[in-house]
Amino acid sequence: MIPDFSGLSCSEVKSFVYSNLRYCIDHRIALTRRLKKDPRKGVSSLSEVILKEYESYRGNLKHGMSMFAFDREYGILTAGTDEVGRGPLAGPIVGACVVFEGDKIEELSEDLILMIDDSKKLTREKRQFLEPKIREYALSYSISLCTNKEIDEMGIAHCNNSIFLNSFNGLKVKPEVILSDGFFIKDCPVRNERIIKGDMKSAAIACASILAKEYRDNLMREYHNIYPQYSFEENVGYGTKAHVEAIRKYGITDIHRKSFLRGILGEDIFPERNGIIESEDI
């Protein structure tokens, strides 16, 4: 029910509008009319806030629906896969694969459709909000990783392809086609389509990106509790200046990628006086 704004102060009206924007969008016509009639400029101007929020809502909804429609063009059961952690100096590379039912998009959470985007464009709070919704509404999903030791032994390209295959193999429902973000999947058992900037076009790829990033970021936060001097909670293993300085000062841990470090810092990053800081696997 729309409140009687005449009995509220300007600050109380603003509080109502900003804390109930979704409600305001649903009742935008009645609300904007009432606000515009209010003689107080601070209140009447709030009608513009509702209209701008509504335009943003419509734009986000259109964008989200277009991403799901993009996947539907490839088939009813279209999977998307993406990886996170290809370039860090420490930690694993993580991949995820997600399948939605293309003919049941109308049953998805509106929040999921409104907020879906490339994980790199989303705030940590939005990714954390979306992760359980993706797990709930996806027909099937799977997450896979290769450790830093596997990366050192087999190379990042091999591991990148491996997590794509393992994520696909972990699906309980196998898709007709799998969309991958920028990479062809070698030895893929189903039709594979390489999509340039796929996490901006495909809902399934974007959702895979979100699941992979949240999984890896959470893992690196756990490692931060073991190795606080490397600030993994902030850099999640990437080669920031502070991270590199910590390596020079403390040496490497058993989650660092030696093959990456040699190329960046040289052979002298492994002095005997520092050795390797070891821990139990998480």
C-alpha atoms as a PDB file:
ATOM      1  CA  MET A   1       0.000   0.000   0.000  1.00  0.00           C
ATOM      2  CA  ILE A   2       1.306   3.441  -0.931  1.00  0.00           C
ATOM      3  CA  PRO A   3       1.771   5.544   2.207  1.00  0.00           C
ATOM      4  CA  ASP A   4       0.315   8.988   2.724  1.00  0.00           C
ATOM      5  CA  PHE A   5       3.394  11.121   2.077  1.00  0.00           C
ATOM      6  CA  SER A   6       1.714  14.259   3.443  1.00  0.00           C
ATOM      7  CA  GLY A   7       2.120  12.868   6.929  1.00  0.00           C
ATOM      8  CA  LEU A   8       5.828  12.148   6.448  1.00  0.00           C
ATOM      9  CA  SER A   9       8.842  14.453   6.509  1.00  0.00           C
ATOM     10  CA  CYS A  10      11.048  14.802   3.422  1.00  0.00           C
ATOM     11  CA  SER A  11      13.711  12.575   4.972  1.00  0.00           C
ATOM     12  CA  GLU A  12      11.107   9.908   5.803  1.00  0.00           C
ATOM     13  CA  VAL A  13       9.784   9.946   2.220  1.00  0.00           C
ATOM     14  CA  LYS A  14      13.331   9.621   0.858  1.00  0.00           C
ATOM     15  CA  SER A  15      14.008   6.742   3.228  1.00  0.00           C
ATOM     16  CA  PHE A  16      10.876   4.971   2.006  1.00  0.00           C
ATOM     17  CA  VAL A  17      11.737   5.442  -1.669  1.00  0.00           C
ATOM     18  CA  TYR A  18      15.397   4.396  -1.450  1.00  0.00           C
ATOM     19  CA  SER A  19      14.706   1.375   0.757  1.00  0.00           C
ATOM     20  CA  ASN A  20      11.756   0.172  -1.355  1.00  0.00           C
ATOM     21  CA  LEU A  21      12.940   0.773  -4.908  1.00  0.00           C
ATOM     22  CA  ARG A  22      11.708  -2.605  -6.152  1.00  0.00           C
ATOM     23  CA  TYR A  23       8.276  -1.865  -4.675  1.00  0.00           C
ATOM     24  CA  CYS A  24       8.436   1.613  -6.168  1.00  0.00           C
ATOM     25  CA  ILE A  25       9.209   0.190  -9.609  1.00  0.00           C
ATOM     26  CA  ASP A  26       6.210  -2.145  -9.432  1.00  0.00           C
ATOM     27  CA  HIS A  27       3.970   0.803  -8.501  1.00  0.00           C
ATOM     28  CA  ARG A  28       5.891   3.474 -10.394  1.00  0.00           C
ATOM     29  CA  ILE A  29       2.894   5.159 -12.084  1.00  0.00           C
ATOM     30  CA  ALA A  30       0.879   5.695  -8.913  1.00  0.00           C
ATOM     31  CA  LEU A  31       3.949   6.637  -6.910  1.00  0.00           C
ATOM     32  CA  THR A  32       5.366   9.123  -9.408  1.00  0.00           C
ATOM     33  CA  ARG A  33       1.985  10.838  -9.709  1.00  0.00           C
ATOM     34  CA  ARG A  34       1.681  11.198  -5.963  1.00  0.00           C
ATOM     35  CA  LEU A  35       5.257  12.400  -5.569  1.00  0.00           C
ATOM     36  CA  LYS A  36       4.932  14.976  -8.361  1.00  0.00           C
ATOM     37  CA  LYS A  37       1.872  16.486  -6.714  1.00  0.00           C
ATOM     38  CA  ASP A  38       3.696  17.011  -3.434  1.00  0.00           C
ATOM     39  CA  PRO A  39       4.458  20.749  -2.971  1.00  0.00           C
ATOM     40  CA  ARG A  40       7.851  20.004  -1.429  1.00  0.00           C
ATOM     41  CA  LYS A  41      10.606  20.042  -4.081  1.00  0.00           C
ATOM     42  CA  GLY A  42      12.658  17.493  -2.143  1.00  0.00           C
ATOM     43  CA  VAL A  43       9.742  15.052  -2.392  1.00  0.00           C
ATOM     44  CA  SER A  44       8.491  15.801  -5.917  1.00  0.00           C
ATOM     45  CA  SER A  45      11.999  15.327  -7.329  1.00  0.00           C
ATOM     46  CA  LEU A  46      11.988  11.722  -6.074  1.00  0.00           C
ATOM     47  CA  SER A  47       9.713  10.822  -8.979  1.00  0.00           C
ATOM     48  CA  GLU A  48      12.791  11.131 -11.215  1.00  0.00           C
ATOM     49  CA  VAL A  49      14.653   8.662  -9.001  1.00  0.00           C
ATOM     50  CA  ILE A  50      11.904   6.081  -9.520  1.00  0.00           C
ATOM     51  CA  LEU A  51      11.822   6.656 -13.284  1.00  0.00           C
ATOM     52  CA  LYS A  52      15.620   6.341 -13.600  1.00  0.00           C
ATOM     53  CA  GLU A  53      15.594   3.183 -11.508  1.00  0.00           C
ATOM     54  CA  TYR A  54      12.843   1.790 -13.695  1.00  0.00           C
ATOM     55  CA  GLU A  55      14.847   2.476 -16.854  1.00  0.00           C
ATOM     56  CA  SER A  56      17.822   0.729 -15.265  1.00  0.00           C
ATOM     57  CA  TYR A  57      15.564  -2.188 -14.302  1.00  0.00           C
ATOM     58  CA  ARG A  58      14.252  -2.491 -17.865  1.00  0.00           C
ATOM     59  CA  GLY A  59      17.772  -2.334 -19.294  1.00  0.00           C
ATOM     60  CA  ASN A  60      19.090  -5.009 -16.946  1.00  0.00           C
ATOM     61  CA  LEU A  61      16.102  -7.245 -17.576  1.00  0.00           C
ATOM     62  CA  LYS A  62      16.523  -6.906 -21.350  1.00  0.00           C
ATOM     63  CA  HIS A  63      20.256  -7.636 -21.059  1.00  0.00           C
ATOM     64  CA  GLY A  64      19.702 -10.713 -18.888  1.00  0.00           C
ATOM     65  CA  MET A  65      16.986 -12.111 -21.134  1.00  0.00           C
ATOM     66  CA  SER A  66      19.178 -11.574 -24.193  1.00  0.00           C
ATOM     67  CA  MET A  67      21.958 -13.628 -22.579  1.00  0.00           C
ATOM     68  CA  PHE A  68      19.609 -16.553 -21.938  1.00  0.00           C
ATOM     69  CA  ALA A  69      18.150 -16.165 -25.445  1.00  0.00           C
ATOM     70  CA  PHE A  70      21.695 -16.316 -26.842  1.00  0.00           C
ATOM     71  CA  ASP A  71      22.160 -19.758 -25.272  1.00  0.00           C
ATOM     72  CA  ARG A  72      18.746 -20.937 -26.440  1.00  0.00           C
ATOM     73  CA  GLU A  73      19.790 -20.400 -30.056  1.00  0.00           C
ATOM     74  CA  TYR A  74      22.257 -23.284 -29.677  1.00  0.00           C
ATOM     75  CA  GLY A  75      19.720 -25.732 -28.246  1.00  0.00           C
ATOM     76  CA  ILE A  76      17.409 -26.418 -25.318  1.00  0.00           C
ATOM     77  CA  LEU A  77      20.243 -27.952 -23.301  1.00  0.00           C
ATOM     78  CA  THR A  78      23.183 -25.599 -23.749  1.00  0.00           C
ATOM     79  CA  ALA A  79      26.054 -25.540 -21.277  1.00  0.00           C
ATOM     80  CA  GLY A  80      28.506 -22.741 -20.665  1.00  0.00           C
ATOM     81  CA  THR A  81      31.977 -23.149 -19.234  1.00  0.00           C
ATOM     82  CA  ASP A  82      34.587 -20.678 -18.030  1.00  0.00           C
ATOM     83  CA  GLU A  83      37.747 -20.583 -15.958  1.00  0.00           C
ATOM     84  CA  VAL A  84      39.202 -18.333 -13.276  1.00  0.00           C
ATOM     85  CA  GLY A  85      42.806 -18.175 -12.152  1.00  0.00           C
ATOM     86  CA  ARG A  86      44.782 -18.634 -15.349  1.00  0.00           C
ATOM     87  CA  GLY A  87      47.277 -15.884 -14.530  1.00  0.00           C
ATOM     88  CA  PRO A  88      47.940 -15.824 -10.731  1.00  0.00           C
ATOM     89  CA  LEU A  89      51.278 -16.694  -9.139  1.00  0.00           C
ATOM     90  CA  ALA A  90      49.629 -18.891  -6.519  1.00  0.00           C
ATOM     91  CA  GLY A  91      46.669 -21.198  -6.128  1.00  0.00           C
ATOM     92  CA  PRO A  92      44.735 -23.396  -8.563  1.00  0.00           C
ATOM     93  CA  ILE A  93      43.009 -22.705 -11.825  1.00  0.00           C
ATOM     94  CA  VAL A  94      39.279 -23.339 -11.411  1.00  0.00           C
ATOM     95  CA  GLY A  95      36.671 -24.069 -14.031  1.00  0.00           C
ATOM     96  CA  ALA A  96      32.908 -24.474 -13.909  1.00  0.00           C
ATOM     97  CA  CYS A  97      30.234 -25.724 -16.280  1.00  0.00           C
ATOM     98  CA  VAL A  98      26.560 -24.747 -16.012  1.00  0.00           C
ATOM     99  CA  VAL A  99      23.439 -25.969 -17.854  1.00  0.00           C
ATOM    100  CA  PHE A 100      20.022 -24.294 -17.911  1.00  0.00           C
ATOM    101  CA  GLU A 101      16.849 -25.568 -19.554  1.00  0.00           C
ATOM    102  CA  GLY A 102      16.348 -23.202 -22.454  1.00  0.00           C
ATOM    103  CA  ASP A 103      12.584 -23.690 -22.587  1.00  0.00           C
ATOM    104  CA  LYS A 104      12.054 -22.847 -18.905  1.00  0.00           C
ATOM    105  CA  ILE A 105      13.700 -19.449 -18.634  1.00  0.00           C
ATOM    106  CA  GLU A 106      10.443 -17.901 -17.402  1.00  0.00           C
ATOM    107  CA  GLU A 107      10.760 -20.026 -14.254  1.00  0.00           C
ATOM    108  CA  LEU A 108      14.103 -18.503 -13.279  1.00  0.00           C
ATOM    109  CA  SER A 109      14.541 -16.038 -10.434  1.00  0.00           C
ATOM    110  CA  GLU A 110      14.054 -12.470 -11.661  1.00  0.00           C
ATOM    111  CA  ASP A 111      17.034 -11.410  -9.551  1.00  0.00           C
ATOM    112  CA  LEU A 112      19.206 -13.868 -11.464  1.00  0.00           C
ATOM    113  CA  ILE A 113      18.074 -12.491 -14.823  1.00  0.00           C
ATOM    114  CA  LEU A 114      18.470  -8.868 -13.669  1.00  0.00           C
ATOM    115  CA  MET A 115      21.959  -9.249 -12.235  1.00  0.00           C
ATOM    116  CA  ILE A 116      23.597 -11.781 -14.535  1.00  0.00           C
ATOM    117  CA  ASP A 117      26.845 -10.477 -16.065  1.00  0.00           C
ATOM    118  CA  ASP A 118      30.525 -11.188 -16.491  1.00  0.00           C
ATOM    119  CA  SER A 119      31.826 -12.029 -13.002  1.00  0.00           C
ATOM    120  CA  LYS A 120      34.631  -9.478 -13.357  1.00  0.00           C
ATOM    121  CA  LYS A 121      32.033  -6.710 -13.661  1.00  0.00           C
ATOM    122  CA  LEU A 122      30.135  -7.753 -10.550  1.00  0.00           C
ATOM    123  CA  THR A 123      30.959  -6.718  -7.010  1.00  0.00           C
ATOM    124  CA  ARG A 124      31.860  -9.377  -4.482  1.00  0.00           C
ATOM    125  CA  GLU A 125      28.484  -8.832  -2.788  1.00  0.00           C
ATOM    126  CA  LYS A 126      26.571  -9.401  -6.034  1.00  0.00           C
ATOM    127  CA  ARG A 127      28.545 -12.563  -6.842  1.00  0.00           C
ATOM    128  CA  GLN A 128      27.876 -13.901  -3.364  1.00  0.00           C
ATOM    129  CA  PHE A 129      24.176 -13.130  -3.829  1.00  0.00           C
ATOM    130  CA  LEU A 130      24.017 -14.814  -7.232  1.00  0.00           C
ATOM    131  CA  GLU A 131      26.042 -17.940  -6.465  1.00  0.00           C
ATOM    132  CA  PRO A 132      23.317 -19.812  -4.495  1.00  0.00           C
ATOM    133  CA  LYS A 133      20.687 -18.739  -7.035  1.00  0.00           C
ATOM    134  CA  ILE A 134      22.739 -20.214  -9.873  1.00  0.00           C
ATOM    135  CA  ARG A 135      23.145 -23.466  -7.957  1.00  0.00           C
ATOM    136  CA  GLU A 136      19.393 -23.520  -7.273  1.00  0.00           C
ATOM    137  CA  TYR A 137      18.097 -22.720 -10.755  1.00  0.00           C
ATOM    138  CA  ALA A 138      20.680 -24.452 -12.954  1.00  0.00           C
ATOM    139  CA  LEU A 139      19.608 -27.812 -14.316  1.00  0.00           C
ATOM    140  CA  SER A 140      23.125 -29.035 -13.571  1.00  0.00           C
ATOM    141  CA  TYR A 141      26.521 -27.542 -12.681  1.00  0.00           C
ATOM    142  CA  SER A 142      29.999 -28.797 -11.934  1.00  0.00           C
ATOM    143  CA  ILE A 143      33.256 -27.267 -10.672  1.00  0.00           C
ATOM    144  CA  SER A 144      36.770 -28.564 -11.299  1.00  0.00           C
ATOM    145  CA  LEU A 145      40.309 -27.416 -10.559  1.00  0.00           C
ATOM    146  CA  CYS A 146      43.960 -28.106 -11.236  1.00  0.00           C
ATOM    147  CA  THR A 147      46.416 -27.373  -8.445  1.00  0.00           C
ATOM    148  CA  ASN A 148      49.541 -25.269  -8.727  1.00  0.00           C
ATOM    149  CA  LYS A 149      51.591 -28.475  -8.739  1.00  0.00           C
ATOM    150  CA  GLU A 150      49.628 -29.813 -11.720  1.00  0.00           C
ATOM    151  CA  ILE A 151      50.122 -26.471 -13.470  1.00  0.00           C
ATOM    152  CA  ASP A 152      53.890 -26.717 -12.902  1.00  0.00           C
ATOM    153  CA  GLU A 153      53.976 -30.322 -14.137  1.00  0.00           C
ATOM    154  CA  MET A 154      51.672 -30.116 -17.163  1.00  0.00           C
ATOM    155  CA  GLY A 155      51.503 -26.443 -18.086  1.00  0.00           C
ATOM    156  CA  ILE A 156      48.698 -23.925 -17.829  1.00  0.00           C
ATOM    157  CA  ALA A 157      47.269 -24.648 -21.299  1.00  0.00           C
ATOM    158  CA  HIS A 158      46.878 -28.354 -20.544  1.00  0.00           C
ATOM    159  CA  CYS A 159      45.307 -27.622 -17.166  1.00  0.00           C
ATOM    160  CA  ASN A 160      42.979 -25.030 -18.673  1.00  0.00           C
ATOM    161  CA  ASN A 161      41.605 -27.630 -21.086  1.00  0.00           C
ATOM    162  CA  SER A 162      41.544 -30.291 -18.378  1.00  0.00           C
ATOM    163  CA  ILE A 163      39.260 -28.329 -16.056  1.00  0.00           C
ATOM    164  CA  PHE A 164      36.859 -27.699 -18.943  1.00  0.00           C
ATOM    165  CA  LEU A 165      36.645 -31.428 -19.653  1.00  0.00           C
ATOM    166  CA  ASN A 166      36.395 -32.387 -15.980  1.00  0.00           C
ATOM    167  CA  SER A 167      33.675 -29.805 -15.350  1.00  0.00           C
ATOM    168  CA  PHE A 168      31.710 -31.151 -18.304  1.00  0.00           C
ATOM    169  CA  ASN A 169      32.187 -34.743 -17.139  1.00  0.00           C
ATOM    170  CA  GLY A 170      30.906 -33.770 -13.690  1.00  0.00           C
ATOM    171  CA  LEU A 171      27.524 -32.660 -15.006  1.00  0.00           C
ATOM    172  CA  LYS A 172      24.616 -34.887 -14.017  1.00  0.00           C
ATOM    173  CA  VAL A 173      22.720 -33.761 -17.110  1.00  0.00           C
ATOM    174  CA  LYS A 174      24.770 -33.716 -20.298  1.00  0.00           C
ATOM    175  CA  PRO A 175      24.046 -30.865 -22.740  1.00  0.00           C
ATOM    176  CA  GLU A 176      23.721 -30.920 -26.508  1.00  0.00           C
ATOM    177  CA  VAL A 177      26.382 -28.244 -26.924  1.00  0.00           C
ATOM    178  CA  ILE A 178      28.904 -26.509 -24.717  1.00  0.00           C
ATOM    179  CA  LEU A 179      29.862 -22.843 -25.131  1.00  0.00           C
ATOM    180  CA  SER A 180      33.346 -21.851 -24.007  1.00  0.00           C
ATOM    181  CA  ASP A 181      34.702 -18.366 -23.428  1.00  0.00           C
ATOM    182  CA  GLY A 182      37.414 -17.755 -26.008  1.00  0.00           C
ATOM    183  CA  PHE A 183      38.914 -21.267 -26.043  1.00  0.00           C
ATOM    184  CA  PHE A 184      38.132 -24.351 -28.085  1.00  0.00           C
ATOM    185  CA  ILE A 185      37.962 -27.409 -25.837  1.00  0.00           C
ATOM    186  CA  LYS A 186      40.233 -30.161 -27.139  1.00  0.00           C
ATOM    187  CA  ASP A 187      38.689 -33.646 -27.208  1.00  0.00           C
ATOM    188  CA  CYS A 188      35.290 -32.253 -26.197  1.00  0.00           C
ATOM    189  CA  PRO A 189      32.744 -35.130 -26.281  1.00  0.00           C
ATOM    190  CA  VAL A 190      29.911 -32.894 -27.560  1.00  0.00           C
ATOM    191  CA  ARG A 191      29.642 -29.993 -29.953  1.00  0.00           C
ATOM    192  CA  ASN A 192      31.758 -27.104 -28.734  1.00  0.00           C
ATOM    193  CA  GLU A 193      31.335 -23.474 -29.778  1.00  0.00           C
ATOM    194  CA  ARG A 194      34.025 -20.904 -28.973  1.00  0.00           C
ATOM    195  CA  ILE A 195      32.417 -17.574 -28.052  1.00  0.00           C
ATOM    196  CA  ILE A 196      34.591 -14.444 -28.028  1.00  0.00           C
ATOM    197  CA  LYS A 197      33.795 -12.417 -24.898  1.00  0.00           C
ATOM    198  CA  GLY A 198      31.332 -15.167 -24.061  1.00  0.00           C
ATOM    199  CA  ASP A 199      30.883 -14.106 -20.439  1.00  0.00           C
ATOM    200  CA  MET A 200      29.246 -10.919 -21.769  1.00  0.00           C
ATOM    201  CA  LYS A 201      26.956 -12.734 -24.225  1.00  0.00           C
ATOM    202  CA  SER A 202      26.048 -16.126 -22.767  1.00  0.00           C
ATOM    203  CA  ALA A 203      24.133 -16.582 -19.513  1.00  0.00           C
ATOM    204  CA  ALA A 204      25.552 -20.070 -18.979  1.00  0.00           C
ATOM    205  CA  ILE A 205      29.148 -18.880 -19.476  1.00  0.00           C
ATOM    206  CA  ALA A 206      28.577 -15.896 -17.167  1.00  0.00           C
ATOM    207  CA  CYS A 207      27.112 -18.165 -14.486  1.00  0.00           C
ATOM    208  CA  ALA A 208      30.022 -20.589 -14.856  1.00  0.00           C
ATOM    209  CA  SER A 209      32.381 -17.646 -14.420  1.00  0.00           C
ATOM    210  CA  ILE A 210      30.603 -16.590 -11.215  1.00  0.00           C
ATOM    211  CA  LEU A 211      30.672 -20.115  -9.722  1.00  0.00           C
ATOM    212  CA  ALA A 212      34.335 -20.576 -10.597  1.00  0.00           C
ATOM    213  CA  LYS A 213      35.374 -17.195  -9.223  1.00  0.00           C
ATOM    214  CA  GLU A 214      33.470 -17.558  -5.963  1.00  0.00           C
ATOM    215  CA  TYR A 215      34.863 -21.051  -5.434  1.00  0.00           C
ATOM    216  CA  ARG A 216      38.435 -19.945  -6.094  1.00  0.00           C
ATOM    217  CA  ASP A 217      38.192 -16.687  -4.121  1.00  0.00           C
ATOM    218  CA  ASN A 218      36.819 -18.563  -1.105  1.00  0.00           C
ATOM    219  CA  LEU A 219      39.632 -21.092  -1.366  1.00  0.00           C
ATOM    220  CA  MET A 220      42.246 -18.340  -1.484  1.00  0.00           C
ATOM    221  CA  ARG A 221      40.670 -16.732   1.589  1.00  0.00           C
ATOM    222  CA  GLU A 222      41.176 -20.021   3.414  1.00  0.00           C
ATOM    223  CA  TYR A 223      44.806 -20.024   2.304  1.00  0.00           C
ATOM    224  CA  HIS A 224      45.083 -16.463   3.626  1.00  0.00           C
ATOM    225  CA  ASN A 225      44.429 -17.819   7.117  1.00  0.00           C
ATOM    226  CA  ILE A 226      47.444 -20.121   6.709  1.00  0.00           C
ATOM    227  CA  TYR A 227      49.728 -17.640   4.935  1.00  0.00           C
ATOM    228  CA  PRO A 228      48.580 -14.168   6.088  1.00  0.00           C
ATOM    229  CA  GLN A 229      51.844 -12.487   5.060  1.00  0.00           C
ATOM    230  CA  TYR A 230      50.981 -12.939   1.349  1.00  0.00           C
ATOM    231  CA  SER A 231      47.577 -11.147   1.539  1.00  0.00           C
ATOM    232  CA  PHE A 232      45.784 -13.851  -0.465  1.00  0.00           C
ATOM    233  CA  GLU A 233      42.460 -12.533   0.818  1.00  0.00           C
ATOM    234  CA  GLU A 234      43.039  -9.373  -1.207  1.00  0.00           C
ATOM    235  CA  ASN A 235      45.094 -10.478  -4.220  1.00  0.00           C
ATOM    236  CA  VAL A 236      43.718 -14.078  -4.487  1.00  0.00           C
ATOM    237  CA  GLY A 237      47.157 -15.143  -5.710  1.00  0.00           C
ATOM    238  CA  TYR A 238      47.726 -12.539  -8.414  1.00  0.00           C
ATOM    239  CA  GLY A 239      51.120 -10.871  -8.703  1.00  0.00           C
ATOM    240  CA  THR A 240      50.507  -7.581  -6.958  1.00  0.00           C
ATOM    241  CA  LYS A 241      53.467  -5.535  -5.814  1.00  0.00           C
ATOM    242  CA  ALA A 242      52.826  -6.495  -2.175  1.00  0.00           C
ATOM    243  CA  HIS A 243      52.567 -10.178  -3.104  1.00  0.00           C
ATOM    244  CA  VAL A 244      55.864 -10.135  -5.005  1.00  0.00           C
ATOM    245  CA  GLU A 245      57.578  -8.308  -2.153  1.00  0.00           C
ATOM    246  CA  ALA A 246      56.268 -10.934   0.285  1.00  0.00           C
ATOM    247  CA  ILE A 247      57.743 -13.683  -1.896  1.00  0.00           C
ATOM    248  CA  ARG A 248      61.124 -11.965  -1.885  1.00  0.00           C
ATOM    249  CA  LYS A 249      60.980 -11.574   1.891  1.00  0.00           C
ATOM    250  CA  TYR A 250      59.462 -14.900   3.004  1.00  0.00           C
ATOM    251  CA  GLY A 251      60.087 -17.243   0.088  1.00  0.00           C
ATOM    252  CA  ILE A 252      57.381 -19.331  -1.539  1.00  0.00           C
ATOM    253  CA  THR A 253      54.607 -21.506  -0.151  1.00  0.00           C
ATOM    254  CA  ASP A 254      53.493 -24.897  -1.357  1.00  0.00           C
ATOM    255  CA  ILE A 255      50.627 -23.277  -3.274  1.00  0.00           C
ATOM    256  CA  HIS A 256      52.861 -21.033  -5.403  1.00  0.00           C
ATOM    257  CA  ARG A 257      53.355 -21.815  -9.098  1.00  0.00           C
ATOM    258  CA  LYS A 258      57.106 -22.228  -9.512  1.00  0.00           C
ATOM    259  CA  SER A 259      56.875 -22.195 -13.296  1.00  0.00           C
ATOM    260  CA  PHE A 260      55.222 -18.768 -13.193  1.00  0.00           C
ATOM    261  CA  LEU A 261      57.614 -17.323 -10.647  1.00  0.00           C
ATOM    262  CA  ARG A 262      60.775 -18.275 -12.519  1.00  0.00           C
ATOM    263  CA  GLY A 263      59.605 -16.363 -15.559  1.00  0.00           C
ATOM    264  CA  ILE A 264      58.709 -13.264 -13.576  1.00  0.00           C
ATOM    265  CA  LEU A 265      61.320 -13.022 -10.830  1.00  0.00           C
ATOM    266  CA  GLY A 266      64.177 -15.249 -11.945  1.00  0.00           C
ATOM    267  CA  GLU A 267      65.782 -18.349 -10.458  1.00  0.00           C
ATOM    268  CA  ASP A 268      66.917 -16.530  -7.311  1.00  0.00           C
ATOM    269  CA  ILE A 269      63.406 -16.522  -5.882  1.00  0.00           C
ATOM    270  CA  PHE A 270      64.134 -19.939  -4.362  1.00  0.00           C
ATOM    271  CA  PRO A 271      67.045 -19.188  -1.996  1.00  0.00           C
ATOM    272  CA  GLU A 272      67.910 -21.991   0.410  1.00  0.00           C
ATOM    273  CA  ARG A 273      67.573 -19.656   3.373  1.00  0.00           C
ATOM    274  CA  ASN A 274      63.863 -19.228   2.610  1.00  0.00           C
ATOM    275  CA  GLY A 275      62.953 -22.675   1.381  1.00  0.00           C
ATOM    276  CA  ILE A 276      59.295 -23.542   0.908  1.00  0.00           C
ATOM    277  CA  ILE A 277      56.614 -22.848   3.467  1.00  0.00           C
ATOM    278  CA  GLU A 278      54.478 -25.983   3.626  1.00  0.00           C
ATOM    279  CA  SER A 279      50.991 -26.732   4.887  1.00  0.00           C
ATOM    280  CA  GLU A 280      48.400 -29.476   4.815  1.00  0.00           C
ATOM    281  CA  ASP A 281      46.155 -29.369   1.753  1.00  0.00           C
ATOM    282  CA  ILE A 282      42.892 -27.613   2.368  1.00  0.00           C
END
